[in-house]
Amino acid sequence: MEDFLDTEISNVDGQVITFFGVFDGYYGSGAAVYVKMDLFDHLMKHLESDGNTMPAIAEACRQTNQNWLKAEHDQSQVVMSGSG
């Protein structure tokens, strides 16, 4: 199985925020592991700066995807694995 999960509890403007994520790997575990380690950090940064949930989720996903593709490109590897 190439599935990973993560939970995180944080505080944003005095509100307790709980994140739950299930990361399903495709063609290997690389992307799922990367998303598990990267996504919530970006989401927290956007929530702390804006507080608007839907745009924060969209931007965190976009930024995590961009970072994953750059990390794979910098390693001169063809990006084969993904996560959904």
N, C-alpha and C. Protein backbone atom coordinates (compact mmCIF):
# COMPACT_ATOMS: atom_id res chain seq x y z
N MET A 1 0.85 -1.18 0.00
CA MET A 1 0.00 0.00 0.00
C MET A 1 0.89 1.24 0.00
N GLU A 2 0.45 2.21 -0.71
CA GLU A 2 1.18 3.47 -0.79
C GLU A 2 0.34 4.61 -0.22
N ASP A 3 -0.45 4.29 0.80
CA ASP A 3 -1.31 5.27 1.43
C ASP A 3 -0.70 5.73 2.74
N PHE A 4 -0.84 7.01 3.01
CA PHE A 4 -0.31 7.58 4.24
C PHE A 4 -1.39 8.47 4.83
N LEU A 5 -1.35 8.63 6.14
CA LEU A 5 -2.29 9.54 6.77
C LEU A 5 -1.55 10.41 7.76
N ASP A 6 -2.16 11.53 8.07
CA ASP A 6 -1.56 12.47 9.00
C ASP A 6 -2.66 13.25 9.69
N THR A 7 -2.42 13.63 10.91
CA THR A 7 -3.31 14.53 11.64
C THR A 7 -2.44 15.59 12.29
N GLU A 8 -3.00 16.76 12.44
CA GLU A 8 -2.27 17.85 13.06
C GLU A 8 -3.26 18.77 13.74
N ILE A 9 -2.92 19.23 14.92
CA ILE A 9 -3.75 20.18 15.65
C ILE A 9 -2.95 21.46 15.79
N SER A 10 -3.55 22.59 15.40
CA SER A 10 -2.87 23.88 15.45
C SER A 10 -3.82 24.92 16.02
N ASN A 11 -3.28 26.09 16.25
CA ASN A 11 -4.06 27.21 16.76
C ASN A 11 -3.92 28.38 15.81
N VAL A 12 -5.04 28.89 15.33
CA VAL A 12 -5.04 30.05 14.44
C VAL A 12 -5.97 31.09 15.04
N ASP A 13 -5.42 32.23 15.41
CA ASP A 13 -6.20 33.32 16.00
C ASP A 13 -7.08 32.86 17.15
N GLY A 14 -6.52 32.03 18.03
CA GLY A 14 -7.25 31.56 19.19
C GLY A 14 -8.23 30.43 18.92
N GLN A 15 -8.31 29.96 17.68
CA GLN A 15 -9.18 28.86 17.30
C GLN A 15 -8.35 27.59 17.14
N VAL A 16 -8.82 26.50 17.72
CA VAL A 16 -8.15 25.22 17.53
C VAL A 16 -8.58 24.66 16.18
N ILE A 17 -7.59 24.35 15.34
CA ILE A 17 -7.83 23.82 14.00
C ILE A 17 -7.24 22.42 13.95
N THR A 18 -8.01 21.46 13.46
CA THR A 18 -7.55 20.09 13.32
C THR A 18 -7.54 19.70 11.85
N PHE A 19 -6.42 19.20 11.39
CA PHE A 19 -6.27 18.76 10.01
C PHE A 19 -6.20 17.24 9.98
N PHE A 20 -6.88 16.65 9.02
CA PHE A 20 -6.81 15.21 8.78
C PHE A 20 -6.50 15.03 7.30
N GLY A 21 -5.57 14.19 6.98
CA GLY A 21 -5.24 13.95 5.58
C GLY A 21 -4.97 12.50 5.30
N VAL A 22 -5.49 12.02 4.19
CA VAL A 22 -5.18 10.69 3.66
C VAL A 22 -4.55 10.92 2.30
N PHE A 23 -3.35 10.44 2.12
CA PHE A 23 -2.58 10.68 0.92
C PHE A 23 -2.35 9.36 0.20
N ASP A 24 -2.96 9.21 -0.93
CA ASP A 24 -2.94 7.97 -1.71
C ASP A 24 -1.85 8.08 -2.77
N GLY A 25 -0.88 7.20 -2.71
CA GLY A 25 0.22 7.24 -3.67
C GLY A 25 -0.12 6.49 -4.95
N TYR A 26 0.33 7.04 -6.06
CA TYR A 26 0.19 6.41 -7.38
C TYR A 26 1.58 6.19 -7.96
N TYR A 27 1.85 5.00 -8.45
CA TYR A 27 3.13 4.66 -9.07
C TYR A 27 4.30 4.92 -8.12
N GLY A 28 4.13 4.55 -6.87
CA GLY A 28 5.17 4.73 -5.86
C GLY A 28 4.71 5.66 -4.77
N SER A 29 5.46 5.67 -3.71
CA SER A 29 5.05 6.44 -2.53
C SER A 29 5.64 7.85 -2.47
N GLY A 30 6.51 8.20 -3.40
CA GLY A 30 7.24 9.47 -3.32
C GLY A 30 6.36 10.69 -3.15
N ALA A 31 5.37 10.88 -3.99
CA ALA A 31 4.52 12.06 -3.92
C ALA A 31 3.67 12.06 -2.67
N ALA A 32 3.13 10.91 -2.29
CA ALA A 32 2.28 10.84 -1.10
C ALA A 32 3.08 11.21 0.16
N VAL A 33 4.30 10.73 0.26
CA VAL A 33 5.16 11.06 1.40
C VAL A 33 5.45 12.56 1.39
N TYR A 34 5.76 13.11 0.23
CA TYR A 34 6.08 14.53 0.12
C TYR A 34 4.88 15.39 0.52
N VAL A 35 3.70 15.06 0.00
CA VAL A 35 2.50 15.83 0.32
C VAL A 35 2.21 15.75 1.81
N LYS A 36 2.36 14.59 2.40
CA LYS A 36 2.12 14.41 3.83
C LYS A 36 3.03 15.34 4.65
N MET A 37 4.26 15.53 4.21
CA MET A 37 5.20 16.36 4.95
C MET A 37 5.04 17.85 4.65
N ASP A 38 4.47 18.22 3.52
CA ASP A 38 4.50 19.61 3.04
C ASP A 38 3.16 20.36 3.12
N LEU A 39 2.07 19.67 2.87
CA LEU A 39 0.78 20.33 2.67
C LEU A 39 0.29 21.12 3.88
N PHE A 40 0.30 20.52 5.07
CA PHE A 40 -0.25 21.20 6.23
C PHE A 40 0.55 22.45 6.59
N ASP A 41 1.86 22.44 6.35
CA ASP A 41 2.66 23.64 6.62
C ASP A 41 2.20 24.81 5.75
N HIS A 42 1.98 24.54 4.47
CA HIS A 42 1.50 25.60 3.58
C HIS A 42 0.10 26.05 3.98
N LEU A 43 -0.74 25.11 4.33
CA LEU A 43 -2.11 25.44 4.73
C LEU A 43 -2.11 26.34 5.96
N MET A 44 -1.30 26.03 6.95
CA MET A 44 -1.22 26.86 8.15
C MET A 44 -0.76 28.28 7.82
N LYS A 45 0.26 28.39 6.99
CA LYS A 45 0.77 29.72 6.63
C LYS A 45 -0.33 30.57 5.97
N HIS A 46 -1.10 29.96 5.07
CA HIS A 46 -2.14 30.71 4.38
C HIS A 46 -3.31 31.03 5.30
N LEU A 47 -3.65 30.13 6.19
CA LEU A 47 -4.73 30.42 7.15
C LEU A 47 -4.33 31.51 8.13
N GLU A 48 -3.07 31.51 8.55
CA GLU A 48 -2.60 32.53 9.48
C GLU A 48 -2.57 33.91 8.82
N SER A 49 -2.26 33.97 7.54
CA SER A 49 -2.16 35.26 6.87
C SER A 49 -3.50 35.77 6.36
N ASP A 50 -4.41 34.85 5.99
CA ASP A 50 -5.67 35.27 5.37
C ASP A 50 -6.89 34.86 6.20
N GLY A 51 -6.91 33.65 6.70
CA GLY A 51 -8.03 33.16 7.49
C GLY A 51 -9.20 32.65 6.67
N ASN A 52 -9.12 32.74 5.36
CA ASN A 52 -10.20 32.29 4.48
C ASN A 52 -9.90 30.86 4.04
N THR A 53 -10.70 29.90 4.49
CA THR A 53 -10.39 28.48 4.36
C THR A 53 -10.25 27.99 2.92
N MET A 54 -11.24 28.23 2.09
CA MET A 54 -11.21 27.66 0.74
C MET A 54 -10.03 28.16 -0.10
N PRO A 55 -9.77 29.47 -0.14
CA PRO A 55 -8.58 29.90 -0.89
C PRO A 55 -7.28 29.37 -0.27
N ALA A 56 -7.24 29.22 1.05
CA ALA A 56 -6.04 28.71 1.70
C ALA A 56 -5.78 27.26 1.28
N ILE A 57 -6.84 26.46 1.21
CA ILE A 57 -6.69 25.07 0.79
C ILE A 57 -6.22 25.00 -0.66
N ALA A 58 -6.84 25.78 -1.51
CA ALA A 58 -6.46 25.78 -2.93
C ALA A 58 -5.01 26.22 -3.11
N GLU A 59 -4.61 27.27 -2.42
CA GLU A 59 -3.24 27.77 -2.56
C GLU A 59 -2.23 26.79 -1.96
N ALA A 60 -2.56 26.17 -0.83
CA ALA A 60 -1.66 25.19 -0.22
C ALA A 60 -1.46 23.99 -1.16
N CYS A 61 -2.53 23.53 -1.79
CA CYS A 61 -2.41 22.42 -2.75
C CYS A 61 -1.57 22.82 -3.95
N ARG A 62 -1.81 24.02 -4.47
CA ARG A 62 -1.06 24.50 -5.63
C ARG A 62 0.43 24.62 -5.29
N GLN A 63 0.73 25.19 -4.13
CA GLN A 63 2.12 25.39 -3.75
C GLN A 63 2.82 24.06 -3.47
N THR A 64 2.14 23.13 -2.83
CA THR A 64 2.72 21.81 -2.57
C THR A 64 3.01 21.10 -3.88
N ASN A 65 2.08 21.15 -4.82
CA ASN A 65 2.28 20.53 -6.13
C ASN A 65 3.47 21.16 -6.84
N GLN A 66 3.55 22.46 -6.83
CA GLN A 66 4.65 23.17 -7.47
C GLN A 66 6.00 22.77 -6.84
N ASN A 67 6.04 22.69 -5.51
CA ASN A 67 7.27 22.31 -4.82
C ASN A 67 7.67 20.87 -5.13
N TRP A 68 6.67 19.96 -5.21
CA TRP A 68 6.95 18.56 -5.54
C TRP A 68 7.56 18.44 -6.93
N LEU A 69 6.96 19.13 -7.88
CA LEU A 69 7.47 19.06 -9.25
C LEU A 69 8.87 19.64 -9.35
N LYS A 70 9.13 20.72 -8.63
CA LYS A 70 10.46 21.33 -8.63
C LYS A 70 11.47 20.40 -7.97
N ALA A 71 11.10 19.79 -6.85
CA ALA A 71 12.02 18.87 -6.17
C ALA A 71 12.38 17.70 -7.07
N GLU A 72 11.42 17.15 -7.77
CA GLU A 72 11.68 16.04 -8.67
C GLU A 72 12.52 16.49 -9.87
N HIS A 73 12.23 17.68 -10.40
CA HIS A 73 12.99 18.20 -11.53
C HIS A 73 14.45 18.47 -11.12
N ASP A 74 14.64 19.03 -9.91
CA ASP A 74 16.00 19.32 -9.43
C ASP A 74 16.82 18.05 -9.26
N GLN A 75 16.16 16.91 -9.06
CA GLN A 75 16.86 15.64 -8.91
C GLN A 75 17.02 14.94 -10.25
N SER A 76 16.67 15.65 -11.33
CA SER A 76 16.77 15.13 -12.69
C SER A 76 16.03 13.79 -12.85
N GLN A 77 14.85 13.71 -12.24
CA GLN A 77 14.06 12.51 -12.34
C GLN A 77 12.77 12.83 -13.11
N VAL A 78 12.27 11.83 -13.78
CA VAL A 78 10.99 11.96 -14.42
C VAL A 78 9.93 11.75 -13.34
N VAL A 79 8.98 12.67 -13.26
CA VAL A 79 7.94 12.58 -12.25
C VAL A 79 6.95 11.51 -12.66
N MET A 80 6.98 10.40 -11.97
CA MET A 80 6.09 9.30 -12.28
C MET A 80 5.04 9.11 -11.19
N SER A 81 5.41 9.38 -9.94
CA SER A 81 4.47 9.12 -8.86
C SER A 81 3.59 10.35 -8.64
N GLY A 82 2.44 10.10 -8.09
CA GLY A 82 1.50 11.18 -7.79
C GLY A 82 0.73 10.83 -6.53
N SER A 83 -0.12 11.74 -6.11
CA SER A 83 -0.92 11.52 -4.92
C SER A 83 -2.27 12.17 -5.11
N GLY A 84 -3.29 11.51 -4.65
CA GLY A 84 -4.64 12.05 -4.79
C GLY A 84 -5.38 12.03 -3.50
